[in-house]
């Protein structure tokens, strides 16, 4: 029954990825001009959401093959298909 927990985690991380990506894109569209008082906060938020996306994406990439019973060394080969 371990695969059920992994499948649930894989789906949960995927949904979180989509939500954080949507927030990241909204941030990108609402970028303040350089020199404004909000710009440093925006840069911090935008940079760190991007880092979270990388971490979540890598995590999901490592969970996915276990759910689909694919050897972990094959997982990076699926990236060009995305």
PDB file of N, CA and C in Angstrom:
ATOM      1  N   UNK A   1       0.810  -1.210   0.000  1.00  0.00           N
ATOM      2  CA  UNK A   1       0.000   0.000   0.000  1.00  0.00           C
ATOM      3  C   UNK A   1       0.852   1.272   0.000  1.00  0.00           C
ATOM      4  N   UNK A   2       2.170   1.116  -0.099  1.00  0.00           N
ATOM      5  CA  UNK A   2       3.048   2.286  -0.107  1.00  0.00           C
ATOM      6  C   UNK A   2       2.794   3.155  -1.342  1.00  0.00           C
ATOM      7  N   UNK A   3       2.461   2.547  -2.461  1.00  0.00           N
ATOM      8  CA  UNK A   3       2.253   3.310  -3.691  1.00  0.00           C
ATOM      9  C   UNK A   3       1.077   4.260  -3.584  1.00  0.00           C
ATOM     10  N   UNK A   4       0.073   3.922  -2.767  1.00  0.00           N
ATOM     11  CA  UNK A   4      -1.072   4.831  -2.609  1.00  0.00           C
ATOM     12  C   UNK A   4      -0.635   6.138  -1.953  1.00  0.00           C
ATOM     13  N   UNK A   5       0.230   6.041  -0.943  1.00  0.00           N
ATOM     14  CA  UNK A   5       0.745   7.245  -0.305  1.00  0.00           C
ATOM     15  C   UNK A   5       1.595   8.069  -1.258  1.00  0.00           C
ATOM     16  N   UNK A   6       2.406   7.380  -2.077  1.00  0.00           N
ATOM     17  CA  UNK A   6       3.229   8.083  -3.060  1.00  0.00           C
ATOM     18  C   UNK A   6       2.368   8.743  -4.127  1.00  0.00           C
ATOM     19  N   UNK A   7       1.324   8.038  -4.556  1.00  0.00           N
ATOM     20  CA  UNK A   7       0.444   8.605  -5.574  1.00  0.00           C
ATOM     21  C   UNK A   7      -0.256   9.849  -5.034  1.00  0.00           C
ATOM     22  N   UNK A   8      -0.674   9.779  -3.786  1.00  0.00           N
ATOM     23  CA  UNK A   8      -1.314  10.931  -3.160  1.00  0.00           C
ATOM     24  C   UNK A   8      -0.332  12.100  -3.037  1.00  0.00           C
ATOM     25  N   UNK A   9       0.914  11.796  -2.646  1.00  0.00           N
ATOM     26  CA  UNK A   9       1.937  12.833  -2.528  1.00  0.00           C
ATOM     27  C   UNK A   9       2.246  13.432  -3.895  1.00  0.00           C
ATOM     28  N   UNK A  10       2.355  12.587  -4.914  1.00  0.00           N
ATOM     29  CA  UNK A  10       2.667  13.055  -6.263  1.00  0.00           C
ATOM     30  C   UNK A  10       1.569  14.002  -6.769  1.00  0.00           C
ATOM     31  N   UNK A  11       0.322  13.641  -6.532  1.00  0.00           N
ATOM     32  CA  UNK A  11      -0.790  14.496  -6.940  1.00  0.00           C
ATOM     33  C   UNK A  11      -0.841  15.791  -6.151  1.00  0.00           C
ATOM     34  N   UNK A  12      -0.592  15.696  -4.853  1.00  0.00           N
ATOM     35  CA  UNK A  12      -0.603  16.891  -4.004  1.00  0.00           C
ATOM     36  C   UNK A  12       0.505  17.864  -4.376  1.00  0.00           C
ATOM     37  N   UNK A  13       1.680  17.332  -4.646  1.00  0.00           N
ATOM     38  CA  UNK A  13       2.796  18.195  -5.052  1.00  0.00           C
ATOM     39  C   UNK A  13       2.494  18.811  -6.411  1.00  0.00           C
ATOM     40  N   UNK A  14       1.874  18.040  -7.309  1.00  0.00           N
ATOM     41  CA  UNK A  14       1.513  18.565  -8.628  1.00  0.00           C
ATOM     42  C   UNK A  14       0.523  19.712  -8.545  1.00  0.00           C
ATOM     43  N   UNK A  15      -0.478  19.562  -7.706  1.00  0.00           N
ATOM     44  CA  UNK A  15      -1.467  20.634  -7.532  1.00  0.00           C
ATOM     45  C   UNK A  15      -0.802  21.865  -6.916  1.00  0.00           C
ATOM     46  N   UNK A  16       0.063  21.643  -5.939  1.00  0.00           N
ATOM     47  CA  UNK A  16       0.789  22.750  -5.323  1.00  0.00           C
ATOM     48  C   UNK A  16       1.660  23.464  -6.354  1.00  0.00           C
ATOM     49  N   UNK A  17       2.296  22.694  -7.228  1.00  0.00           N
ATOM     50  CA  UNK A  17       3.107  23.281  -8.296  1.00  0.00           C
ATOM     51  C   UNK A  17       2.281  24.212  -9.175  1.00  0.00           C
ATOM     52  N   UNK A  18       1.106  23.757  -9.571  1.00  0.00           N
ATOM     53  CA  UNK A  18       0.252  24.573 -10.431  1.00  0.00           C
ATOM     54  C   UNK A  18      -0.167  25.856  -9.715  1.00  0.00           C
ATOM     55  N   UNK A  19      -0.519  25.760  -8.451  1.00  0.00           N
ATOM     56  CA  UNK A  19      -0.934  26.945  -7.695  1.00  0.00           C
ATOM     57  C   UNK A  19       0.215  27.937  -7.512  1.00  0.00           C
ATOM     58  N   UNK A  20       1.400  27.423  -7.159  1.00  0.00           N
ATOM     59  CA  UNK A  20       2.553  28.309  -6.965  1.00  0.00           C
ATOM     60  C   UNK A  20       2.975  28.917  -8.307  1.00  0.00           C
ATOM     61  N   UNK A  21       2.889  28.141  -9.384  1.00  0.00           N
ATOM     62  CA  UNK A  21       3.222  28.668 -10.708  1.00  0.00           C
ATOM     63  C   UNK A  21       2.264  29.783 -11.110  1.00  0.00           C
ATOM     64  N   UNK A  22       0.988  29.605 -10.824  1.00  0.00           N
ATOM     65  CA  UNK A  22       0.006  30.652 -11.122  1.00  0.00           C
ATOM     66  C   UNK A  22       0.340  31.924 -10.350  1.00  0.00           C
ATOM     67  N   UNK A  23       0.653  31.781  -9.080  1.00  0.00           N
ATOM     68  CA  UNK A  23       1.047  32.933  -8.257  1.00  0.00           C
ATOM     69  C   UNK A  23       2.317  33.582  -8.810  1.00  0.00           C
ATOM     70  N   UNK A  24       3.276  32.759  -9.221  1.00  0.00           N
ATOM     71  CA  UNK A  24       4.535  33.250  -9.770  1.00  0.00           C
ATOM     72  C   UNK A  24       4.290  34.058 -11.053  1.00  0.00           C
ATOM     73  N   UNK A  25       3.404  33.575 -11.896  1.00  0.00           N
ATOM     74  CA  UNK A  25       3.096  34.289 -13.138  1.00  0.00           C
ATOM     75  C   UNK A  25       2.355  35.598 -12.871  1.00  0.00           C
ATOM     76  N   UNK A  26       1.468  35.593 -11.886  1.00  0.00           N
ATOM     77  CA  UNK A  26       0.771  36.830 -11.502  1.00  0.00           C
ATOM     78  C   UNK A  26       1.786  37.848 -10.977  1.00  0.00           C
ATOM     79  N   UNK A  27       2.747  37.362 -10.182  1.00  0.00           N
ATOM     80  CA  UNK A  27       3.806  38.248  -9.701  1.00  0.00           C
ATOM     81  C   UNK A  27       4.604  38.830 -10.864  1.00  0.00           C
ATOM     82  N   UNK A  28       4.923  37.983 -11.834  1.00  0.00           N
ATOM     83  CA  UNK A  28       5.699  38.459 -12.986  1.00  0.00           C
ATOM     84  C   UNK A  28       4.937  39.530 -13.758  1.00  0.00           C
ATOM     85  N   UNK A  29       3.627  39.357 -13.878  1.00  0.00           N
ATOM     86  CA  UNK A  29       2.816  40.323 -14.624  1.00  0.00           C
ATOM     87  C   UNK A  29       2.652  41.632 -13.864  1.00  0.00           C
ATOM     88  N   UNK A  30       2.795  41.594 -12.549  1.00  0.00           N
ATOM     89  CA  UNK A  30       2.590  42.806 -11.748  1.00  0.00           C
ATOM     90  C   UNK A  30       3.905  43.364 -11.215  1.00  0.00           C
ATOM     91  N   UNK A  31       4.974  43.185 -11.955  1.00  0.00           N
ATOM     92  CA  UNK A  31       6.297  43.642 -11.519  1.00  0.00           C
ATOM     93  C   UNK A  31       6.339  45.170 -11.419  1.00  0.00           C
ATOM     94  N   UNK A  32       6.732  45.679 -10.256  1.00  0.00           N
ATOM     95  CA  UNK A  32       6.859  47.141 -10.126  1.00  0.00           C
ATOM     96  C   UNK A  32       8.108  47.651 -10.851  1.00  0.00           C
ATOM     97  N   UNK A  33       8.098  48.906 -11.194  1.00  0.00           N
ATOM     98  CA  UNK A  33       9.237  49.521 -11.874  1.00  0.00           C
ATOM     99  C   UNK A  33      10.453  49.553 -10.951  1.00  0.00           C
ATOM    100  N   UNK A  34      11.654  49.473 -11.527  1.00  0.00           N
ATOM    101  CA  UNK A  34      12.867  49.580 -10.695  1.00  0.00           C
ATOM    102  C   UNK A  34      12.894  50.917  -9.955  1.00  0.00           C
ATOM    103  N   UNK A  35      13.333  50.863  -8.719  1.00  0.00           N
ATOM    104  CA  UNK A  35      13.451  52.075  -7.922  1.00  0.00           C
ATOM    105  C   UNK A  35      12.243  52.372  -7.051  1.00  0.00           C
ATOM    106  N   UNK A  36      11.127  51.662  -7.279  1.00  0.00           N
ATOM    107  CA  UNK A  36       9.965  51.891  -6.421  1.00  0.00           C
ATOM    108  C   UNK A  36      10.177  51.186  -5.083  1.00  0.00           C
ATOM    109  N   UNK A  37       9.418  51.593  -4.092  1.00  0.00           N
ATOM    110  CA  UNK A  37       9.605  51.037  -2.744  1.00  0.00           C
ATOM    111  C   UNK A  37       9.167  49.568  -2.657  1.00  0.00           C
ATOM    112  N   UNK A  38       8.286  49.131  -3.540  1.00  0.00           N
ATOM    113  CA  UNK A  38       7.801  47.740  -3.505  1.00  0.00           C
ATOM    114  C   UNK A  38       8.728  46.773  -4.221  1.00  0.00           C
ATOM    115  N   UNK A  39       9.667  47.276  -5.012  1.00  0.00           N
ATOM    116  CA  UNK A  39      10.509  46.415  -5.858  1.00  0.00           C
ATOM    117  C   UNK A  39      11.354  45.416  -5.059  1.00  0.00           C
ATOM    118  N   UNK A  40      12.035  45.795  -3.961  1.00  0.00           N
ATOM    119  CA  UNK A  40      12.834  44.799  -3.223  1.00  0.00           C
ATOM    120  C   UNK A  40      11.983  43.650  -2.675  1.00  0.00           C
ATOM    121  N   UNK A  41      10.793  43.973  -2.158  1.00  0.00           N
ATOM    122  CA  UNK A  41       9.907  42.920  -1.659  1.00  0.00           C
ATOM    123  C   UNK A  41       9.454  42.019  -2.802  1.00  0.00           C
ATOM    124  N   UNK A  42       9.119  42.622  -3.946  1.00  0.00           N
ATOM    125  CA  UNK A  42       8.698  41.850  -5.117  1.00  0.00           C
ATOM    126  C   UNK A  42       9.807  40.903  -5.567  1.00  0.00           C
ATOM    127  N   UNK A  43      11.048  41.409  -5.628  1.00  0.00           N
ATOM    128  CA  UNK A  43      12.169  40.578  -6.060  1.00  0.00           C
ATOM    129  C   UNK A  43      12.376  39.395  -5.117  1.00  0.00           C
ATOM    130  N   UNK A  44      12.276  39.639  -3.822  1.00  0.00           N
ATOM    131  CA  UNK A  44      12.418  38.576  -2.841  1.00  0.00           C
ATOM    132  C   UNK A  44      11.331  37.518  -3.022  1.00  0.00           C
ATOM    133  N   UNK A  45      10.092  37.967  -3.168  1.00  0.00           N
ATOM    134  CA  UNK A  45       8.965  37.050  -3.316  1.00  0.00           C
ATOM    135  C   UNK A  45       9.047  36.280  -4.629  1.00  0.00           C
ATOM    136  N   UNK A  46       9.333  36.971  -5.719  1.00  0.00           N
ATOM    137  CA  UNK A  46       9.385  36.339  -7.027  1.00  0.00           C
ATOM    138  C   UNK A  46      10.540  35.327  -7.117  1.00  0.00           C
ATOM    139  N   UNK A  47      11.694  35.695  -6.577  1.00  0.00           N
ATOM    140  CA  UNK A  47      12.848  34.797  -6.594  1.00  0.00           C
ATOM    141  C   UNK A  47      12.582  33.542  -5.780  1.00  0.00           C
ATOM    142  N   UNK A  48      12.012  33.721  -4.609  1.00  0.00           N
ATOM    143  CA  UNK A  48      11.788  32.562  -3.743  1.00  0.00           C
ATOM    144  C   UNK A  48      10.650  31.670  -4.217  1.00  0.00           C
ATOM    145  N   UNK A  49       9.643  32.225  -4.868  1.00  0.00           N
ATOM    146  CA  UNK A  49       8.618  31.338  -5.443  1.00  0.00           C
ATOM    147  C   UNK A  49       9.221  30.534  -6.589  1.00  0.00           C
ATOM    148  N   UNK A  50      10.122  31.134  -7.349  1.00  0.00           N
ATOM    149  CA  UNK A  50      10.817  30.388  -8.401  1.00  0.00           C
ATOM    150  C   UNK A  50      11.649  29.254  -7.832  1.00  0.00           C
ATOM    151  N   UNK A  51      12.326  29.512  -6.740  1.00  0.00           N
ATOM    152  CA  UNK A  51      13.121  28.465  -6.080  1.00  0.00           C
ATOM    153  C   UNK A  51      12.224  27.348  -5.556  1.00  0.00           C
ATOM    154  N   UNK A  52      11.091  27.716  -5.000  1.00  0.00           N
ATOM    155  CA  UNK A  52      10.136  26.705  -4.525  1.00  0.00           C
ATOM    156  C   UNK A  52       9.629  25.848  -5.683  1.00  0.00           C
ATOM    157  N   UNK A  53       9.387  26.480  -6.828  1.00  0.00           N
ATOM    158  CA  UNK A  53       8.950  25.734  -8.001  1.00  0.00           C
ATOM    159  C   UNK A  53       9.999  24.714  -8.431  1.00  0.00           C
ATOM    160  N   UNK A  54      11.264  25.107  -8.418  1.00  0.00           N
ATOM    161  CA  UNK A  54      12.326  24.166  -8.770  1.00  0.00           C
ATOM    162  C   UNK A  54      12.379  22.989  -7.806  1.00  0.00           C
ATOM    163  N   UNK A  55      12.283  23.284  -6.524  1.00  0.00           N
ATOM    164  CA  UNK A  55      12.329  22.234  -5.510  1.00  0.00           C
ATOM    165  C   UNK A  55      11.123  21.299  -5.618  1.00  0.00           C
ATOM    166  N   UNK A  56       9.934  21.859  -5.767  1.00  0.00           N
ATOM    167  CA  UNK A  56       8.736  21.035  -5.896  1.00  0.00           C
ATOM    168  C   UNK A  56       8.762  20.213  -7.186  1.00  0.00           C
ATOM    169  N   UNK A  57       9.226  20.819  -8.266  1.00  0.00           N
ATOM    170  CA  UNK A  57       9.308  20.093  -9.531  1.00  0.00           C
ATOM    171  C   UNK A  57      10.271  18.918  -9.444  1.00  0.00           C
ATOM    172  N   UNK A  58      11.430  19.137  -8.844  1.00  0.00           N
ATOM    173  CA  UNK A  58      12.403  18.050  -8.683  1.00  0.00           C
ATOM    174  C   UNK A  58      11.836  16.962  -7.783  1.00  0.00           C
ATOM    175  N   UNK A  59      11.166  17.358  -6.709  1.00  0.00           N
ATOM    176  CA  UNK A  59      10.560  16.380  -5.802  1.00  0.00           C
ATOM    177  C   UNK A  59       9.534  15.534  -6.534  1.00  0.00           C
ATOM    178  N   UNK A  60       8.678  16.174  -7.319  1.00  0.00           N
ATOM    179  CA  UNK A  60       7.658  15.426  -8.044  1.00  0.00           C
ATOM    180  C   UNK A  60       8.279  14.545  -9.120  1.00  0.00           C
ATOM    181  N   UNK A  61       9.348  15.001  -9.707  1.00  0.00           N
ATOM    182  CA  UNK A  61      10.046  14.197 -10.704  1.00  0.00           C
ATOM    183  C   UNK A  61      10.621  12.932 -10.088  1.00  0.00           C
ATOM    184  N   UNK A  62      11.025  12.994  -8.834  1.00  0.00           N
ATOM    185  CA  UNK A  62      11.573  11.817  -8.164  1.00  0.00           C
ATOM    186  C   UNK A  62      10.479  10.902  -7.620  1.00  0.00           C
ATOM    187  N   UNK A  63       9.316  11.457  -7.278  1.00  0.00           N
ATOM    188  CA  UNK A  63       8.211  10.635  -6.777  1.00  0.00           C
ATOM    189  C   UNK A  63       7.514   9.915  -7.933  1.00  0.00           C
ATOM    190  N   UNK A  64       7.365  10.596  -9.051  1.00  0.00           N
ATOM    191  CA  UNK A  64       6.616  10.062 -10.193  1.00  0.00           C
ATOM    192  C   UNK A  64       7.042   8.683 -10.658  1.00  0.00           C
ATOM    193  N   UNK A  65       8.336   8.443 -10.870  1.00  0.00           N
ATOM    194  CA  UNK A  65       8.748   7.121 -11.334  1.00  0.00           C
ATOM    195  C   UNK A  65       8.428   6.000 -10.352  1.00  0.00           C
ATOM    196  N   UNK A  66       8.433   6.314  -9.067  1.00  0.00           N
ATOM    197  CA  UNK A  66       8.092   5.295  -8.079  1.00  0.00           C
ATOM    198  C   UNK A  66       6.620   4.915  -8.190  1.00  0.00           C
ATOM    199  N   UNK A  67       5.778   5.901  -8.485  1.00  0.00           N
ATOM    200  CA  UNK A  67       4.347   5.630  -8.650  1.00  0.00           C
ATOM    201  C   UNK A  67       4.124   4.830  -9.930  1.00  0.00           C
ATOM    202  N   UNK A  68       4.810   5.220 -10.999  1.00  0.00           N
ATOM    203  CA  UNK A  68       4.645   4.546 -12.284  1.00  0.00           C
ATOM    204  C   UNK A  68       5.566   3.370 -12.485  1.00  0.00           C
ATOM    205  N   UNK A  69       6.327   3.004 -11.460  1.00  0.00           N
ATOM    206  CA  UNK A  69       7.262   1.879 -11.494  1.00  0.00           C
ATOM    207  C   UNK A  69       8.281   2.015 -12.615  1.00  0.00           C
ATOM    208  N   UNK A  70       8.816   3.217 -12.760  1.00  0.00           N
ATOM    209  CA  UNK A  70       9.867   3.498 -13.737  1.00  0.00           C
ATOM    210  C   UNK A  70      11.178   3.614 -12.968  1.00  0.00           C
ATOM    211  N   UNK A  71      12.264   3.031 -13.477  1.00  0.00           N
ATOM    212  CA  UNK A  71      13.551   3.183 -12.769  1.00  0.00           C
ATOM    213  C   UNK A  71      13.927   4.655 -12.633  1.00  0.00           C
ATOM    214  N   UNK A  72      14.423   5.093 -11.471  1.00  0.00           N
ATOM    215  CA  UNK A  72      14.742   6.511 -11.243  1.00  0.00           C
ATOM    216  C   UNK A  72      15.707   7.105 -12.261  1.00  0.00           C
ATOM    217  N   UNK A  73      16.620   6.292 -12.803  1.00  0.00           N
ATOM    218  CA  UNK A  73      17.576   6.854 -13.769  1.00  0.00           C
ATOM    219  C   UNK A  73      16.908   7.212 -15.088  1.00  0.00           C
ATOM    220  N   UNK A  74      15.695   6.710 -15.325  1.00  0.00           N
ATOM    221  CA  UNK A  74      14.959   7.005 -16.555  1.00  0.00           C
ATOM    222  C   UNK A  74      14.168   8.301 -16.414  1.00  0.00           C
ATOM    223  N   UNK A  75      13.892   8.736 -15.196  1.00  0.00           N
ATOM    224  CA  UNK A  75      13.060   9.924 -14.945  1.00  0.00           C
ATOM    225  C   UNK A  75      13.550  11.171 -15.668  1.00  0.00           C
ATOM    226  N   UNK A  76      14.842  11.504 -15.629  1.00  0.00           N
ATOM    227  CA  UNK A  76      15.278  12.716 -16.346  1.00  0.00           C
ATOM    228  C   UNK A  76      15.024  12.659 -17.848  1.00  0.00           C
ATOM    229  N   UNK A  77      14.925  11.458 -18.412  1.00  0.00           N
ATOM    230  CA  UNK A  77      14.670  11.328 -19.838  1.00  0.00           C
ATOM    231  C   UNK A  77      13.265  11.784 -20.210  1.00  0.00           C
ATOM    232  N   UNK A  78      12.369  11.858 -19.210  1.00  0.00           N
ATOM    233  CA  UNK A  78      11.001  12.291 -19.488  1.00  0.00           C
ATOM    234  C   UNK A  78      10.862  13.806 -19.557  1.00  0.00           C
ATOM    235  N   UNK A  79      11.886  14.543 -19.162  1.00  0.00           N
ATOM    236  CA  UNK A  79      11.809  16.009 -19.171  1.00  0.00           C
ATOM    237  C   UNK A  79      11.545  16.583 -20.558  1.00  0.00           C
ATOM    238  N   UNK A  80      12.194  16.114 -21.636  1.00  0.00           N
ATOM    239  CA  UNK A  80      11.908  16.711 -22.949  1.00  0.00           C
ATOM    240  C   UNK A  80      10.463  16.516 -23.402  1.00  0.00           C
ATOM    241  N   UNK A  81       9.762  15.545 -22.838  1.00  0.00           N
ATOM    242  CA  UNK A  81       8.370  15.294 -23.234  1.00  0.00           C
ATOM    243  C   UNK A  81       7.424  16.334 -22.643  1.00  0.00           C
ATOM    244  N   UNK A  82       7.881  17.077 -21.639  1.00  0.00           N
ATOM    245  CA  UNK A  82       7.000  18.053 -20.973  1.00  0.00           C
ATOM    246  C   UNK A  82       6.745  19.261 -21.821  1.00  0.00           C
TER     247      UNK A  82
END
